[in-house]
Amino acid sequence: MIIEHFRAGFIKELYNRFDKKGRMLPSGVHYLNSWIDEKIEVCYQLMESESLGKLEEWISHWDDLADFEIIPIIDSQTAKMRILKNDLSN
């Protein structure tokens, strides 16, 4: 998951760039969905990537307009399997 904090004064520029160039995703990075807070200050994006380096490459196209936080996530079924596999006593 990517948390994107829009820089004040640059939101319109960010959307203009998006309209002109699209997401600019490198191969191996896939956009799944996104949600934006009602103040239009923070975007939560669900992405898939084959590597952290590919995500960083994508971020480099936008980091002049927003600050990014990368949060690796797994689906709930994978989490359950990890817990049950590693701790059978509970």
N, C-alpha and C. Protein backbone atom coordinates (compact mmCIF):
# COMPACT_ATOMS: atom_id res chain seq x y z
N MET A 1 0.84 -1.16 0.00
CA MET A 1 0.00 0.00 0.00
C MET A 1 0.89 1.23 0.00
N ILE A 2 0.49 2.21 -0.75
CA ILE A 2 1.21 3.47 -0.81
C ILE A 2 0.33 4.54 -0.17
N ILE A 3 0.89 5.30 0.75
CA ILE A 3 0.20 6.47 1.28
C ILE A 3 0.91 7.68 0.70
N GLU A 4 0.16 8.45 -0.04
CA GLU A 4 0.71 9.60 -0.77
C GLU A 4 0.16 10.87 -0.14
N HIS A 5 1.05 11.68 0.41
CA HIS A 5 0.66 12.95 1.01
C HIS A 5 0.93 14.06 -0.01
N PHE A 6 -0.14 14.64 -0.53
CA PHE A 6 0.00 15.70 -1.53
C PHE A 6 0.65 16.93 -0.88
N ARG A 7 1.58 17.53 -1.58
CA ARG A 7 2.20 18.76 -1.09
C ARG A 7 1.28 19.93 -1.35
N ALA A 8 1.09 20.74 -0.31
CA ALA A 8 0.21 21.90 -0.42
C ALA A 8 0.65 22.78 -1.58
N GLY A 9 -0.30 23.22 -2.37
CA GLY A 9 -0.01 24.09 -3.50
C GLY A 9 0.35 23.35 -4.78
N PHE A 10 0.45 22.02 -4.74
CA PHE A 10 0.87 21.26 -5.92
C PHE A 10 -0.18 20.25 -6.39
N ILE A 11 -1.33 20.22 -5.76
CA ILE A 11 -2.32 19.20 -6.09
C ILE A 11 -2.82 19.37 -7.52
N LYS A 12 -3.09 20.60 -7.92
CA LYS A 12 -3.57 20.83 -9.29
C LYS A 12 -2.50 20.41 -10.30
N GLU A 13 -1.24 20.71 -10.01
CA GLU A 13 -0.13 20.30 -10.89
C GLU A 13 -0.04 18.77 -10.98
N LEU A 14 -0.26 18.10 -9.84
CA LEU A 14 -0.23 16.64 -9.82
C LEU A 14 -1.30 16.08 -10.74
N TYR A 15 -2.52 16.59 -10.63
CA TYR A 15 -3.60 16.09 -11.50
C TYR A 15 -3.38 16.46 -12.96
N ASN A 16 -2.79 17.61 -13.24
CA ASN A 16 -2.48 17.97 -14.63
C ASN A 16 -1.45 17.01 -15.21
N ARG A 17 -0.43 16.67 -14.44
CA ARG A 17 0.59 15.71 -14.91
C ARG A 17 -0.05 14.35 -15.16
N PHE A 18 -0.92 13.93 -14.24
CA PHE A 18 -1.61 12.65 -14.42
C PHE A 18 -2.43 12.65 -15.71
N ASP A 19 -3.14 13.75 -15.99
CA ASP A 19 -3.94 13.84 -17.22
C ASP A 19 -3.07 13.77 -18.47
N LYS A 20 -1.87 14.35 -18.41
CA LYS A 20 -0.98 14.38 -19.58
C LYS A 20 -0.18 13.09 -19.75
N LYS A 21 0.27 12.49 -18.64
CA LYS A 21 1.21 11.37 -18.73
C LYS A 21 0.70 10.05 -18.16
N GLY A 22 -0.48 10.06 -17.55
CA GLY A 22 -0.98 8.85 -16.92
C GLY A 22 -0.22 8.53 -15.64
N ARG A 23 -0.30 7.30 -15.20
CA ARG A 23 0.35 6.90 -13.94
C ARG A 23 1.86 6.75 -14.05
N MET A 24 2.35 6.55 -15.24
CA MET A 24 3.79 6.36 -15.49
C MET A 24 4.34 5.17 -14.70
N LEU A 25 3.61 4.07 -14.74
CA LEU A 25 4.03 2.86 -14.03
C LEU A 25 5.09 2.11 -14.83
N PRO A 26 6.20 1.76 -14.18
CA PRO A 26 7.18 0.91 -14.87
C PRO A 26 6.63 -0.51 -14.99
N SER A 27 7.19 -1.31 -15.89
CA SER A 27 6.74 -2.70 -16.00
C SER A 27 6.98 -3.39 -14.66
N GLY A 28 6.05 -4.24 -14.29
CA GLY A 28 6.16 -4.94 -13.02
C GLY A 28 5.43 -4.25 -11.87
N VAL A 29 4.87 -3.06 -12.12
CA VAL A 29 4.08 -2.36 -11.11
C VAL A 29 2.66 -2.25 -11.63
N HIS A 30 1.71 -2.64 -10.78
CA HIS A 30 0.31 -2.65 -11.19
C HIS A 30 -0.54 -1.87 -10.19
N TYR A 31 -1.29 -0.92 -10.69
CA TYR A 31 -2.25 -0.16 -9.90
C TYR A 31 -3.50 -1.00 -9.71
N LEU A 32 -4.02 -1.09 -8.47
CA LEU A 32 -5.23 -1.85 -8.20
C LEU A 32 -6.42 -0.94 -7.89
N ASN A 33 -6.21 0.02 -6.99
CA ASN A 33 -7.29 0.93 -6.61
C ASN A 33 -6.72 2.03 -5.74
N SER A 34 -7.49 3.10 -5.56
CA SER A 34 -7.06 4.17 -4.67
C SER A 34 -8.26 4.88 -4.06
N TRP A 35 -7.99 5.50 -2.93
CA TRP A 35 -8.99 6.27 -2.21
C TRP A 35 -8.31 7.55 -1.73
N ILE A 36 -9.05 8.66 -1.76
CA ILE A 36 -8.51 9.96 -1.36
C ILE A 36 -9.38 10.53 -0.26
N ASP A 37 -8.74 11.10 0.76
CA ASP A 37 -9.52 11.70 1.84
C ASP A 37 -10.32 12.89 1.32
N GLU A 38 -11.35 13.27 2.04
CA GLU A 38 -12.26 14.32 1.58
C GLU A 38 -11.60 15.69 1.48
N LYS A 39 -10.52 15.91 2.19
CA LYS A 39 -9.79 17.18 2.09
C LYS A 39 -8.90 17.22 0.85
N ILE A 40 -8.77 16.09 0.17
CA ILE A 40 -7.89 15.92 -0.99
C ILE A 40 -6.45 16.29 -0.64
N GLU A 41 -5.99 15.63 0.44
CA GLU A 41 -4.62 15.83 0.92
C GLU A 41 -3.82 14.53 0.95
N VAL A 42 -4.53 13.40 1.09
CA VAL A 42 -3.86 12.11 1.22
C VAL A 42 -4.54 11.10 0.30
N CYS A 43 -3.72 10.34 -0.43
CA CYS A 43 -4.21 9.29 -1.30
C CYS A 43 -3.67 7.95 -0.80
N TYR A 44 -4.55 6.98 -0.68
CA TYR A 44 -4.19 5.62 -0.28
C TYR A 44 -4.30 4.75 -1.53
N GLN A 45 -3.18 4.22 -1.97
CA GLN A 45 -3.16 3.44 -3.22
C GLN A 45 -2.77 2.00 -2.93
N LEU A 46 -3.52 1.12 -3.51
CA LEU A 46 -3.19 -0.30 -3.45
C LEU A 46 -2.49 -0.66 -4.75
N MET A 47 -1.25 -1.11 -4.63
CA MET A 47 -0.42 -1.41 -5.78
C MET A 47 0.18 -2.81 -5.59
N GLU A 48 0.53 -3.43 -6.71
CA GLU A 48 1.31 -4.66 -6.69
C GLU A 48 2.62 -4.38 -7.43
N SER A 49 3.69 -4.92 -6.88
CA SER A 49 4.99 -4.70 -7.52
C SER A 49 5.87 -5.92 -7.33
N GLU A 50 6.67 -6.19 -8.36
CA GLU A 50 7.60 -7.31 -8.26
C GLU A 50 8.81 -6.98 -7.41
N SER A 51 9.03 -5.68 -7.11
CA SER A 51 10.17 -5.30 -6.28
C SER A 51 9.98 -3.90 -5.70
N LEU A 52 10.67 -3.65 -4.61
CA LEU A 52 10.68 -2.32 -4.00
C LEU A 52 11.31 -1.32 -4.96
N GLY A 53 12.33 -1.73 -5.67
CA GLY A 53 13.00 -0.85 -6.63
C GLY A 53 12.06 -0.33 -7.70
N LYS A 54 11.15 -1.18 -8.17
CA LYS A 54 10.18 -0.76 -9.18
C LYS A 54 9.21 0.28 -8.61
N LEU A 55 8.79 0.09 -7.36
CA LEU A 55 7.94 1.10 -6.72
C LEU A 55 8.67 2.42 -6.57
N GLU A 56 9.94 2.35 -6.17
CA GLU A 56 10.73 3.57 -6.03
C GLU A 56 10.92 4.27 -7.37
N GLU A 57 11.05 3.50 -8.44
CA GLU A 57 11.14 4.08 -9.78
C GLU A 57 9.85 4.85 -10.10
N TRP A 58 8.71 4.25 -9.81
CA TRP A 58 7.43 4.93 -10.05
C TRP A 58 7.32 6.20 -9.20
N ILE A 59 7.70 6.11 -7.93
CA ILE A 59 7.63 7.26 -7.03
C ILE A 59 8.50 8.42 -7.55
N SER A 60 9.61 8.09 -8.19
CA SER A 60 10.51 9.15 -8.67
C SER A 60 9.85 10.06 -9.70
N HIS A 61 8.77 9.61 -10.34
CA HIS A 61 8.04 10.44 -11.29
C HIS A 61 7.12 11.45 -10.60
N TRP A 62 6.89 11.25 -9.31
CA TRP A 62 5.90 12.04 -8.58
C TRP A 62 6.42 12.70 -7.31
N ASP A 63 7.63 12.38 -6.88
CA ASP A 63 8.07 12.82 -5.56
C ASP A 63 8.37 14.32 -5.45
N ASP A 64 8.26 15.05 -6.55
CA ASP A 64 8.36 16.50 -6.47
C ASP A 64 7.02 17.13 -6.10
N LEU A 65 5.95 16.34 -6.16
CA LEU A 65 4.60 16.85 -5.90
C LEU A 65 3.95 16.23 -4.67
N ALA A 66 4.51 15.14 -4.17
CA ALA A 66 3.92 14.45 -3.02
C ALA A 66 5.01 13.69 -2.27
N ASP A 67 4.72 13.38 -1.03
CA ASP A 67 5.60 12.54 -0.21
C ASP A 67 4.95 11.16 -0.10
N PHE A 68 5.75 10.12 -0.13
CA PHE A 68 5.25 8.77 -0.21
C PHE A 68 5.71 7.92 0.96
N GLU A 69 4.82 7.05 1.38
CA GLU A 69 5.11 6.06 2.40
C GLU A 69 4.72 4.70 1.81
N ILE A 70 5.65 3.77 1.81
CA ILE A 70 5.40 2.42 1.29
C ILE A 70 5.15 1.51 2.49
N ILE A 71 3.99 0.84 2.47
CA ILE A 71 3.64 -0.09 3.54
C ILE A 71 3.39 -1.46 2.90
N PRO A 72 4.35 -2.38 3.06
CA PRO A 72 4.13 -3.73 2.52
C PRO A 72 2.95 -4.38 3.25
N ILE A 73 2.05 -4.98 2.50
CA ILE A 73 0.89 -5.65 3.07
C ILE A 73 0.73 -7.03 2.46
N ILE A 74 -0.02 -7.86 3.15
CA ILE A 74 -0.38 -9.19 2.65
C ILE A 74 -1.89 -9.33 2.81
N ASP A 75 -2.48 -10.26 2.10
CA ASP A 75 -3.92 -10.47 2.25
C ASP A 75 -4.20 -11.23 3.54
N SER A 76 -5.44 -11.19 3.98
CA SER A 76 -5.79 -11.78 5.27
C SER A 76 -5.60 -13.29 5.30
N GLN A 77 -5.82 -13.97 4.18
CA GLN A 77 -5.62 -15.42 4.13
C GLN A 77 -4.15 -15.77 4.33
N THR A 78 -3.25 -15.00 3.73
CA THR A 78 -1.81 -15.23 3.91
C THR A 78 -1.42 -14.99 5.36
N ALA A 79 -1.97 -13.93 5.97
CA ALA A 79 -1.68 -13.64 7.38
C ALA A 79 -2.12 -14.80 8.27
N LYS A 80 -3.32 -15.30 8.02
CA LYS A 80 -3.85 -16.42 8.81
C LYS A 80 -2.95 -17.65 8.67
N MET A 81 -2.54 -17.93 7.45
CA MET A 81 -1.68 -19.10 7.23
C MET A 81 -0.35 -18.93 7.95
N ARG A 82 0.22 -17.74 7.92
CA ARG A 82 1.50 -17.51 8.61
C ARG A 82 1.35 -17.70 10.11
N ILE A 83 0.28 -17.17 10.68
CA ILE A 83 0.07 -17.29 12.12
C ILE A 83 -0.15 -18.75 12.51
N LEU A 84 -1.01 -19.43 11.81
CA LEU A 84 -1.31 -20.82 12.17
C LEU A 84 -0.13 -21.75 11.93
N LYS A 85 0.67 -21.46 10.92
CA LYS A 85 1.83 -22.28 10.63
C LYS A 85 2.91 -22.10 11.70
N ASN A 86 3.08 -20.87 12.18
CA ASN A 86 4.17 -20.56 13.12
C ASN A 86 3.78 -20.69 14.58
N ASP A 87 2.48 -20.74 14.90
CA ASP A 87 2.07 -20.82 16.29
C ASP A 87 0.86 -21.72 16.41
N LEU A 88 1.10 -23.00 16.47
CA LEU A 88 0.01 -23.97 16.53
C LEU A 88 -0.56 -24.12 17.94
N SER A 89 0.03 -23.44 18.95
CA SER A 89 -0.44 -23.57 20.34
C SER A 89 -1.68 -22.73 20.64
N ASN A 90 -2.03 -21.77 19.81
CA ASN A 90 -3.20 -20.91 20.09
C ASN A 90 -4.41 -21.34 19.32
